Amino acid sequence: MTISLELDPEMEARLKAEAQSQGIPLAKAAERLLAQALTQRSGPPGTLTVVEFRAILAALAEGAENLPDLPTETFTRESFYRDQR
């Protein structure tokens, strides 16, 4: 299948640079980039790539170094529900 695209000058320059860096024709570089984009997004809805998952974990862990270091025994069922008797 053939697809025609209008690229702005910046996008065109980036695509040309990508093709040159890989030593492949411009059309092949565009094909590879499209295939990569489709592969990364091809999972079922609600799934994450490894990169996305790691980014979420890193965001959650941000500032965790300031949390107190508590012993494991602190986290018991009773400690969470002690007021509900």
PDB file of N, CA and C in Angstrom:
ATOM      1  N   MET A   1       0.839  -1.162   0.000  1.00  0.00           N
ATOM      2  CA  MET A   1       0.000   0.000   0.000  1.00  0.00           C
ATOM      3  C   MET A   1       0.894   1.238   0.000  1.00  0.00           C
ATOM      4  N   THR A   2       0.449   2.246  -0.682  1.00  0.00           N
ATOM      5  CA  THR A   2       1.176   3.505  -0.749  1.00  0.00           C
ATOM      6  C   THR A   2       0.380   4.572  -0.011  1.00  0.00           C
ATOM      7  N   ILE A   3       1.065   5.341   0.821  1.00  0.00           N
ATOM      8  CA  ILE A   3       0.443   6.429   1.569  1.00  0.00           C
ATOM      9  C   ILE A   3       1.247   7.698   1.296  1.00  0.00           C
ATOM     10  N   SER A   4       0.555   8.796   1.034  1.00  0.00           N
ATOM     11  CA  SER A   4       1.214  10.089   0.843  1.00  0.00           C
ATOM     12  C   SER A   4       0.974  10.938   2.068  1.00  0.00           C
ATOM     13  N   LEU A   5       2.030  11.582   2.565  1.00  0.00           N
ATOM     14  CA  LEU A   5       1.946  12.428   3.744  1.00  0.00           C
ATOM     15  C   LEU A   5       2.544  13.787   3.474  1.00  0.00           C
ATOM     16  N   GLU A   6       1.970  14.809   4.089  1.00  0.00           N
ATOM     17  CA  GLU A   6       2.552  16.142   4.072  1.00  0.00           C
ATOM     18  C   GLU A   6       3.238  16.334   5.415  1.00  0.00           C
ATOM     19  N   LEU A   7       4.546  16.473   5.415  1.00  0.00           N
ATOM     20  CA  LEU A   7       5.304  16.674   6.647  1.00  0.00           C
ATOM     21  C   LEU A   7       5.758  18.123   6.742  1.00  0.00           C
ATOM     22  N   ASP A   8       5.724  18.659   7.952  1.00  0.00           N
ATOM     23  CA  ASP A   8       6.271  20.006   8.123  1.00  0.00           C
ATOM     24  C   ASP A   8       7.790  19.895   7.992  1.00  0.00           C
ATOM     25  N   PRO A   9       8.469  21.001   7.725  1.00  0.00           N
ATOM     26  CA  PRO A   9       9.916  20.957   7.492  1.00  0.00           C
ATOM     27  C   PRO A   9      10.708  20.313   8.637  1.00  0.00           C
ATOM     28  N   GLU A  10      10.307  20.568   9.880  1.00  0.00           N
ATOM     29  CA  GLU A  10      11.026  19.987  11.019  1.00  0.00           C
ATOM     30  C   GLU A  10      10.884  18.468  11.043  1.00  0.00           C
ATOM     31  N   MET A  11       9.672  17.982  10.828  1.00  0.00           N
ATOM     32  CA  MET A  11       9.440  16.535  10.823  1.00  0.00           C
ATOM     33  C   MET A  11      10.179  15.881   9.653  1.00  0.00           C
ATOM     34  N   GLU A  12      10.186  16.542   8.522  1.00  0.00           N
ATOM     35  CA  GLU A  12      10.904  16.023   7.355  1.00  0.00           C
ATOM     36  C   GLU A  12      12.399  15.916   7.648  1.00  0.00           C
ATOM     37  N   ALA A  13      12.944  16.939   8.269  1.00  0.00           N
ATOM     38  CA  ALA A  13      14.377  16.930   8.601  1.00  0.00           C
ATOM     39  C   ALA A  13      14.695  15.806   9.583  1.00  0.00           C
ATOM     40  N   ARG A  14      13.832  15.609  10.565  1.00  0.00           N
ATOM     41  CA  ARG A  14      14.053  14.538  11.552  1.00  0.00           C
ATOM     42  C   ARG A  14      13.983  13.168  10.890  1.00  0.00           C
ATOM     43  N   LEU A  15      13.037  12.988   9.965  1.00  0.00           N
ATOM     44  CA  LEU A  15      12.913  11.712   9.265  1.00  0.00           C
ATOM     45  C   LEU A  15      14.137  11.464   8.383  1.00  0.00           C
ATOM     46  N   LYS A  16      14.607  12.492   7.709  1.00  0.00           N
ATOM     47  CA  LYS A  16      15.805  12.352   6.880  1.00  0.00           C
ATOM     48  C   LYS A  16      17.017  12.001   7.738  1.00  0.00           C
ATOM     49  N   ALA A  17      17.138  12.667   8.879  1.00  0.00           N
ATOM     50  CA  ALA A  17      18.261  12.386   9.772  1.00  0.00           C
ATOM     51  C   ALA A  17      18.208  10.950  10.281  1.00  0.00           C
ATOM     52  N   GLU A  18      17.019  10.467  10.598  1.00  0.00           N
ATOM     53  CA  GLU A  18      16.843   9.081  11.055  1.00  0.00           C
ATOM     54  C   GLU A  18      17.268   8.102   9.972  1.00  0.00           C
ATOM     55  N   ALA A  19      16.844   8.360   8.745  1.00  0.00           N
ATOM     56  CA  ALA A  19      17.207   7.479   7.620  1.00  0.00           C
ATOM     57  C   ALA A  19      18.714   7.484   7.394  1.00  0.00           C
ATOM     58  N   GLN A  20      19.317   8.653   7.442  1.00  0.00           N
ATOM     59  CA  GLN A  20      20.763   8.755   7.234  1.00  0.00           C
ATOM     60  C   GLN A  20      21.538   8.062   8.341  1.00  0.00           C
ATOM     61  N   SER A  21      21.068   8.202   9.570  1.00  0.00           N
ATOM     62  CA  SER A  21      21.792   7.583  10.691  1.00  0.00           C
ATOM     63  C   SER A  21      21.761   6.062  10.611  1.00  0.00           C
ATOM     64  N   GLN A  22      20.703   5.519  10.005  1.00  0.00           N
ATOM     65  CA  GLN A  22      20.591   4.068   9.859  1.00  0.00           C
ATOM     66  C   GLN A  22      21.127   3.582   8.511  1.00  0.00           C
ATOM     67  N   GLY A  23      21.426   4.518   7.616  1.00  0.00           N
ATOM     68  CA  GLY A  23      21.940   4.155   6.300  1.00  0.00           C
ATOM     69  C   GLY A  23      20.909   3.451   5.434  1.00  0.00           C
ATOM     70  N   ILE A  24      19.650   3.878   5.559  1.00  0.00           N
ATOM     71  CA  ILE A  24      18.567   3.259   4.789  1.00  0.00           C
ATOM     72  C   ILE A  24      17.805   4.342   4.026  1.00  0.00           C
ATOM     73  N   PRO A  25      17.056   3.935   2.995  1.00  0.00           N
ATOM     74  CA  PRO A  25      16.253   4.915   2.258  1.00  0.00           C
ATOM     75  C   PRO A  25      15.190   5.564   3.148  1.00  0.00           C
ATOM     76  N   LEU A  26      14.782   6.747   2.786  1.00  0.00           N
ATOM     77  CA  LEU A  26      13.799   7.516   3.539  1.00  0.00           C
ATOM     78  C   LEU A  26      12.501   6.730   3.744  1.00  0.00           C
ATOM     79  N   ALA A  27      12.007   6.085   2.706  1.00  0.00           N
ATOM     80  CA  ALA A  27      10.761   5.330   2.798  1.00  0.00           C
ATOM     81  C   ALA A  27      10.886   4.169   3.793  1.00  0.00           C
ATOM     82  N   LYS A  28      12.038   3.526   3.804  1.00  0.00           N
ATOM     83  CA  LYS A  28      12.257   2.413   4.734  1.00  0.00           C
ATOM     84  C   LYS A  28      12.292   2.910   6.179  1.00  0.00           C
ATOM     85  N   ALA A  29      12.901   4.063   6.412  1.00  0.00           N
ATOM     86  CA  ALA A  29      12.939   4.636   7.754  1.00  0.00           C
ATOM     87  C   ALA A  29      11.528   4.968   8.233  1.00  0.00           C
ATOM     88  N   ALA A  30      10.727   5.548   7.353  1.00  0.00           N
ATOM     89  CA  ALA A  30       9.343   5.872   7.709  1.00  0.00           C
ATOM     90  C   ALA A  30       8.557   4.601   8.014  1.00  0.00           C
ATOM     91  N   GLU A  31       8.777   3.561   7.217  1.00  0.00           N
ATOM     92  CA  GLU A  31       8.097   2.275   7.431  1.00  0.00           C
ATOM     93  C   GLU A  31       8.478   1.682   8.791  1.00  0.00           C
ATOM     94  N   ARG A  32       9.755   1.716   9.143  1.00  0.00           N
ATOM     95  CA  ARG A  32      10.209   1.175  10.433  1.00  0.00           C
ATOM     96  C   ARG A  32       9.614   1.944  11.604  1.00  0.00           C
ATOM     97  N   LEU A  33       9.612   3.272  11.499  1.00  0.00           N
ATOM     98  CA  LEU A  33       9.068   4.090  12.576  1.00  0.00           C
ATOM     99  C   LEU A  33       7.572   3.835  12.770  1.00  0.00           C
ATOM    100  N   LEU A  34       6.856   3.692  11.673  1.00  0.00           N
ATOM    101  CA  LEU A  34       5.429   3.391  11.754  1.00  0.00           C
ATOM    102  C   LEU A  34       5.209   2.021  12.374  1.00  0.00           C
ATOM    103  N   ALA A  35       6.004   1.039  11.978  1.00  0.00           N
ATOM    104  CA  ALA A  35       5.882  -0.312  12.538  1.00  0.00           C
ATOM    105  C   ALA A  35       6.166  -0.306  14.040  1.00  0.00           C
ATOM    106  N   GLN A  36       7.187   0.441  14.470  1.00  0.00           N
ATOM    107  CA  GLN A  36       7.505   0.543  15.904  1.00  0.00           C
ATOM    108  C   GLN A  36       6.353   1.174  16.671  1.00  0.00           C
ATOM    109  N   ALA A  37       5.787   2.239  16.130  1.00  0.00           N
ATOM    110  CA  ALA A  37       4.683   2.926  16.799  1.00  0.00           C
ATOM    111  C   ALA A  37       3.467   2.010  16.924  1.00  0.00           C
ATOM    112  N   LEU A  38       3.186   1.261  15.886  1.00  0.00           N
ATOM    113  CA  LEU A  38       2.032   0.354  15.926  1.00  0.00           C
ATOM    114  C   LEU A  38       2.272  -0.817  16.861  1.00  0.00           C
ATOM    115  N   THR A  39       3.502  -1.308  16.921  1.00  0.00           N
ATOM    116  CA  THR A  39       3.835  -2.419  17.807  1.00  0.00           C
ATOM    117  C   THR A  39       3.716  -1.998  19.262  1.00  0.00           C
ATOM    118  N   GLN A  40       4.171  -0.812  19.584  1.00  0.00           N
ATOM    119  CA  GLN A  40       4.107  -0.317  20.961  1.00  0.00           C
ATOM    120  C   GLN A  40       2.676  -0.110  21.417  1.00  0.00           C
ATOM    121  N   ARG A  41       1.773   0.172  20.524  1.00  0.00           N
ATOM    122  CA  ARG A  41       0.383   0.462  20.872  1.00  0.00           C
ATOM    123  C   ARG A  41      -0.556  -0.705  20.585  1.00  0.00           C
ATOM    124  N   SER A  42      -0.016  -1.870  20.239  1.00  0.00           N
ATOM    125  CA  SER A  42      -0.868  -2.959  19.779  1.00  0.00           C
ATOM    126  C   SER A  42      -1.438  -3.837  20.879  1.00  0.00           C
ATOM    127  N   GLY A  43      -1.120  -3.566  22.140  1.00  0.00           N
ATOM    128  CA  GLY A  43      -1.652  -4.374  23.234  1.00  0.00           C
ATOM    129  C   GLY A  43      -3.132  -4.104  23.444  1.00  0.00           C
ATOM    130  N   PRO A  44      -3.797  -4.982  24.185  1.00  0.00           N
ATOM    131  CA  PRO A  44      -5.208  -4.759  24.485  1.00  0.00           C
ATOM    132  C   PRO A  44      -5.388  -3.470  25.289  1.00  0.00           C
ATOM    133  N   PRO A  45      -6.555  -2.862  25.226  1.00  0.00           N
ATOM    134  CA  PRO A  45      -6.791  -1.637  25.984  1.00  0.00           C
ATOM    135  C   PRO A  45      -6.527  -1.865  27.476  1.00  0.00           C
ATOM    136  N   GLY A  46      -5.911  -0.897  28.103  1.00  0.00           N
ATOM    137  CA  GLY A  46      -5.631  -1.009  29.529  1.00  0.00           C
ATOM    138  C   GLY A  46      -4.308  -1.668  29.855  1.00  0.00           C
ATOM    139  N   THR A  47      -3.538  -2.070  28.854  1.00  0.00           N
ATOM    140  CA  THR A  47      -2.230  -2.671  29.123  1.00  0.00           C
ATOM    141  C   THR A  47      -1.155  -1.610  28.957  1.00  0.00           C
ATOM    142  N   LEU A  48      -0.052  -1.822  29.641  1.00  0.00           N
ATOM    143  CA  LEU A  48       1.066  -0.888  29.585  1.00  0.00           C
ATOM    144  C   LEU A  48       2.292  -1.570  29.007  1.00  0.00           C
ATOM    145  N   THR A  49       3.123  -0.788  28.373  1.00  0.00           N
ATOM    146  CA  THR A  49       4.421  -1.312  27.954  1.00  0.00           C
ATOM    147  C   THR A  49       5.315  -1.345  29.191  1.00  0.00           C
ATOM    148  N   VAL A  50       6.417  -2.045  29.092  1.00  0.00           N
ATOM    149  CA  VAL A  50       7.364  -2.110  30.207  1.00  0.00           C
ATOM    150  C   VAL A  50       7.875  -0.707  30.541  1.00  0.00           C
ATOM    151  N   VAL A  51       8.136   0.085  29.534  1.00  0.00           N
ATOM    152  CA  VAL A  51       8.638   1.442  29.741  1.00  0.00           C
ATOM    153  C   VAL A  51       7.596   2.284  30.480  1.00  0.00           C
ATOM    154  N   GLU A  52       6.323   2.190  30.062  1.00  0.00           N
ATOM    155  CA  GLU A  52       5.265   2.945  30.734  1.00  0.00           C
ATOM    156  C   GLU A  52       5.104   2.497  32.185  1.00  0.00           C
ATOM    157  N   PHE A  53       5.160   1.173  32.413  1.00  0.00           N
ATOM    158  CA  PHE A  53       5.024   0.631  33.761  1.00  0.00           C
ATOM    159  C   PHE A  53       6.147   1.125  34.668  1.00  0.00           C
ATOM    160  N   ARG A  54       7.379   1.086  34.164  1.00  0.00           N
ATOM    161  CA  ARG A  54       8.523   1.550  34.956  1.00  0.00           C
ATOM    162  C   ARG A  54       8.425   3.046  35.258  1.00  0.00           C
ATOM    163  N   ALA A  55       7.902   3.821  34.308  1.00  0.00           N
ATOM    164  CA  ALA A  55       7.738   5.255  34.527  1.00  0.00           C
ATOM    165  C   ALA A  55       6.720   5.511  35.636  1.00  0.00           C
ATOM    166  N   ILE A  56       5.655   4.730  35.663  1.00  0.00           N
ATOM    167  CA  ILE A  56       4.655   4.870  36.723  1.00  0.00           C
ATOM    168  C   ILE A  56       5.258   4.497  38.070  1.00  0.00           C
ATOM    169  N   LEU A  57       6.004   3.395  38.114  1.00  0.00           N
ATOM    170  CA  LEU A  57       6.645   2.999  39.375  1.00  0.00           C
ATOM    171  C   LEU A  57       7.616   4.060  39.864  1.00  0.00           C
ATOM    172  N   ALA A  58       8.371   4.637  38.949  1.00  0.00           N
ATOM    173  CA  ALA A  58       9.328   5.680  39.333  1.00  0.00           C
ATOM    174  C   ALA A  58       8.598   6.895  39.898  1.00  0.00           C
ATOM    175  N   ALA A  59       7.467   7.248  39.293  1.00  0.00           N
ATOM    176  CA  ALA A  59       6.689   8.386  39.790  1.00  0.00           C
ATOM    177  C   ALA A  59       6.129   8.093  41.177  1.00  0.00           C
ATOM    178  N   LEU A  60       5.668   6.864  41.389  1.00  0.00           N
ATOM    179  CA  LEU A  60       5.148   6.478  42.703  1.00  0.00           C
ATOM    180  C   LEU A  60       6.237   6.487  43.766  1.00  0.00           C
ATOM    181  N   ALA A  61       7.433   6.097  43.396  1.00  0.00           N
ATOM    182  CA  ALA A  61       8.541   6.008  44.353  1.00  0.00           C
ATOM    183  C   ALA A  61       9.179   7.355  44.645  1.00  0.00           C
ATOM    184  N   GLU A  62       8.857   8.363  43.841  1.00  0.00           N
ATOM    185  CA  GLU A  62       9.462   9.674  44.026  1.00  0.00           C
ATOM    186  C   GLU A  62       9.151  10.211  45.420  1.00  0.00           C
ATOM    187  N   GLY A  63      10.155  10.534  46.165  1.00  0.00           N
ATOM    188  CA  GLY A  63       9.994  11.042  47.519  1.00  0.00           C
ATOM    189  C   GLY A  63       9.945   9.955  48.577  1.00  0.00           C
ATOM    190  N   ALA A  64       9.996   8.690  48.176  1.00  0.00           N
ATOM    191  CA  ALA A  64       9.908   7.578  49.124  1.00  0.00           C
ATOM    192  C   ALA A  64      11.105   7.536  50.065  1.00  0.00           C
ATOM    193  N   GLU A  65      12.214   8.124  49.671  1.00  0.00           N
ATOM    194  CA  GLU A  65      13.394   8.105  50.533  1.00  0.00           C
ATOM    195  C   GLU A  65      13.161   8.903  51.820  1.00  0.00           C
ATOM    196  N   ASN A  66      12.110   9.728  51.843  1.00  0.00           N
ATOM    197  CA  ASN A  66      11.796  10.529  53.033  1.00  0.00           C
ATOM    198  C   ASN A  66      10.820   9.828  53.982  1.00  0.00           C
ATOM    199  N   LEU A  67      10.319   8.666  53.600  1.00  0.00           N
ATOM    200  CA  LEU A  67       9.385   7.932  54.457  1.00  0.00           C
ATOM    201  C   LEU A  67      10.147   7.245  55.589  1.00  0.00           C
ATOM    202  N   PRO A  68       9.497   7.076  56.746  1.00  0.00           N
ATOM    203  CA  PRO A  68      10.177   6.401  57.856  1.00  0.00           C
ATOM    204  C   PRO A  68      10.373   4.921  57.567  1.00  0.00           C
ATOM    205  N   ASP A  69      11.429   4.368  58.099  1.00  0.00           N
ATOM    206  CA  ASP A  69      11.732   2.951  57.948  1.00  0.00           C
ATOM    207  C   ASP A  69      11.067   2.200  59.102  1.00  0.00           C
ATOM    208  N   LEU A  70       9.949   1.521  58.800  1.00  0.00           N
ATOM    209  CA  LEU A  70       9.181   0.822  59.827  1.00  0.00           C
ATOM    210  C   LEU A  70       9.387  -0.686  59.737  1.00  0.00           C
ATOM    211  N   PRO A  71       9.385  -1.375  60.879  1.00  0.00           N
ATOM    212  CA  PRO A  71       9.529  -2.834  60.839  1.00  0.00           C
ATOM    213  C   PRO A  71       8.281  -3.482  60.234  1.00  0.00           C
ATOM    214  N   THR A  72       8.440  -4.656  59.658  1.00  0.00           N
ATOM    215  CA  THR A  72       7.349  -5.381  59.016  1.00  0.00           C
ATOM    216  C   THR A  72       6.198  -5.640  59.985  1.00  0.00           C
ATOM    217  N   GLU A  73       6.499  -5.882  61.260  1.00  0.00           N
ATOM    218  CA  GLU A  73       5.478  -6.181  62.254  1.00  0.00           C
ATOM    219  C   GLU A  73       4.474  -5.040  62.418  1.00  0.00           C
ATOM    220  N   THR A  74       4.850  -3.860  61.992  1.00  0.00           N
ATOM    221  CA  THR A  74       3.969  -2.701  62.098  1.00  0.00           C
ATOM    222  C   THR A  74       2.721  -2.878  61.238  1.00  0.00           C
ATOM    223  N   PHE A  75       2.851  -3.604  60.161  1.00  0.00           N
ATOM    224  CA  PHE A  75       1.757  -3.729  59.202  1.00  0.00           C
ATOM    225  C   PHE A  75       1.001  -5.033  59.402  1.00  0.00           C
ATOM    226  N   THR A  76       0.062  -5.012  60.312  1.00  0.00           N
ATOM    227  CA  THR A  76      -0.794  -6.169  60.565  1.00  0.00           C
ATOM    228  C   THR A  76      -2.228  -5.768  60.247  1.00  0.00           C
ATOM    229  N   ARG A  77      -3.069  -6.757  60.095  1.00  0.00           N
ATOM    230  CA  ARG A  77      -4.490  -6.491  59.850  1.00  0.00           C
ATOM    231  C   ARG A  77      -5.069  -5.647  60.979  1.00  0.00           C
ATOM    232  N   GLU A  78      -4.719  -5.988  62.197  1.00  0.00           N
ATOM    233  CA  GLU A  78      -5.232  -5.275  63.357  1.00  0.00           C
ATOM    234  C   GLU A  78      -4.810  -3.799  63.345  1.00  0.00           C
ATOM    235  N   SER A  79      -3.600  -3.539  62.871  1.00  0.00           N
ATOM    236  CA  SER A  79      -3.138  -2.151  62.873  1.00  0.00           C
ATOM    237  C   SER A  79      -3.930  -1.280  61.901  1.00  0.00           C
ATOM    238  N   PHE A  80      -4.482  -1.888  60.882  1.00  0.00           N
ATOM    239  CA  PHE A  80      -5.286  -1.118  59.930  1.00  0.00           C
ATOM    240  C   PHE A  80      -6.732  -0.968  60.379  1.00  0.00           C
ATOM    241  N   TYR A  81      -7.250  -1.963  61.102  1.00  0.00           N
ATOM    242  CA  TYR A  81      -8.672  -1.981  61.463  1.00  0.00           C
ATOM    243  C   TYR A  81      -8.904  -1.909  62.963  1.00  0.00           C
ATOM    244  N   ARG A  82      -7.993  -1.412  63.739  1.00  0.00           N
ATOM    245  CA  ARG A  82      -8.110  -1.422  65.196  1.00  0.00           C
ATOM    246  C   ARG A  82      -9.289  -0.587  65.707  1.00  0.00           C
ATOM    247  N   ASP A  83      -9.742   0.431  64.973  1.00  0.00           N
ATOM    248  CA  ASP A  83     -10.834   1.270  65.432  1.00  0.00           C
ATOM    249  C   ASP A  83     -12.210   0.716  65.047  1.00  0.00           C
ATOM    250  N   GLN A  84     -12.269  -0.356  64.309  1.00  0.00           N
ATOM    251  CA  GLN A  84     -13.543  -0.901  63.838  1.00  0.00           C
ATOM    252  C   GLN A  84     -13.876  -2.204  64.587  1.00  0.00           C
ATOM    253  N   ARG A  85     -14.270  -2.115  65.818  1.00  0.00           N
ATOM    254  CA  ARG A  85     -14.624  -3.317  66.582  1.00  0.00           C
ATOM    255  C   ARG A  85     -16.054  -3.298  66.970  1.00  0.00           C
TER     256      ARG A  85
END
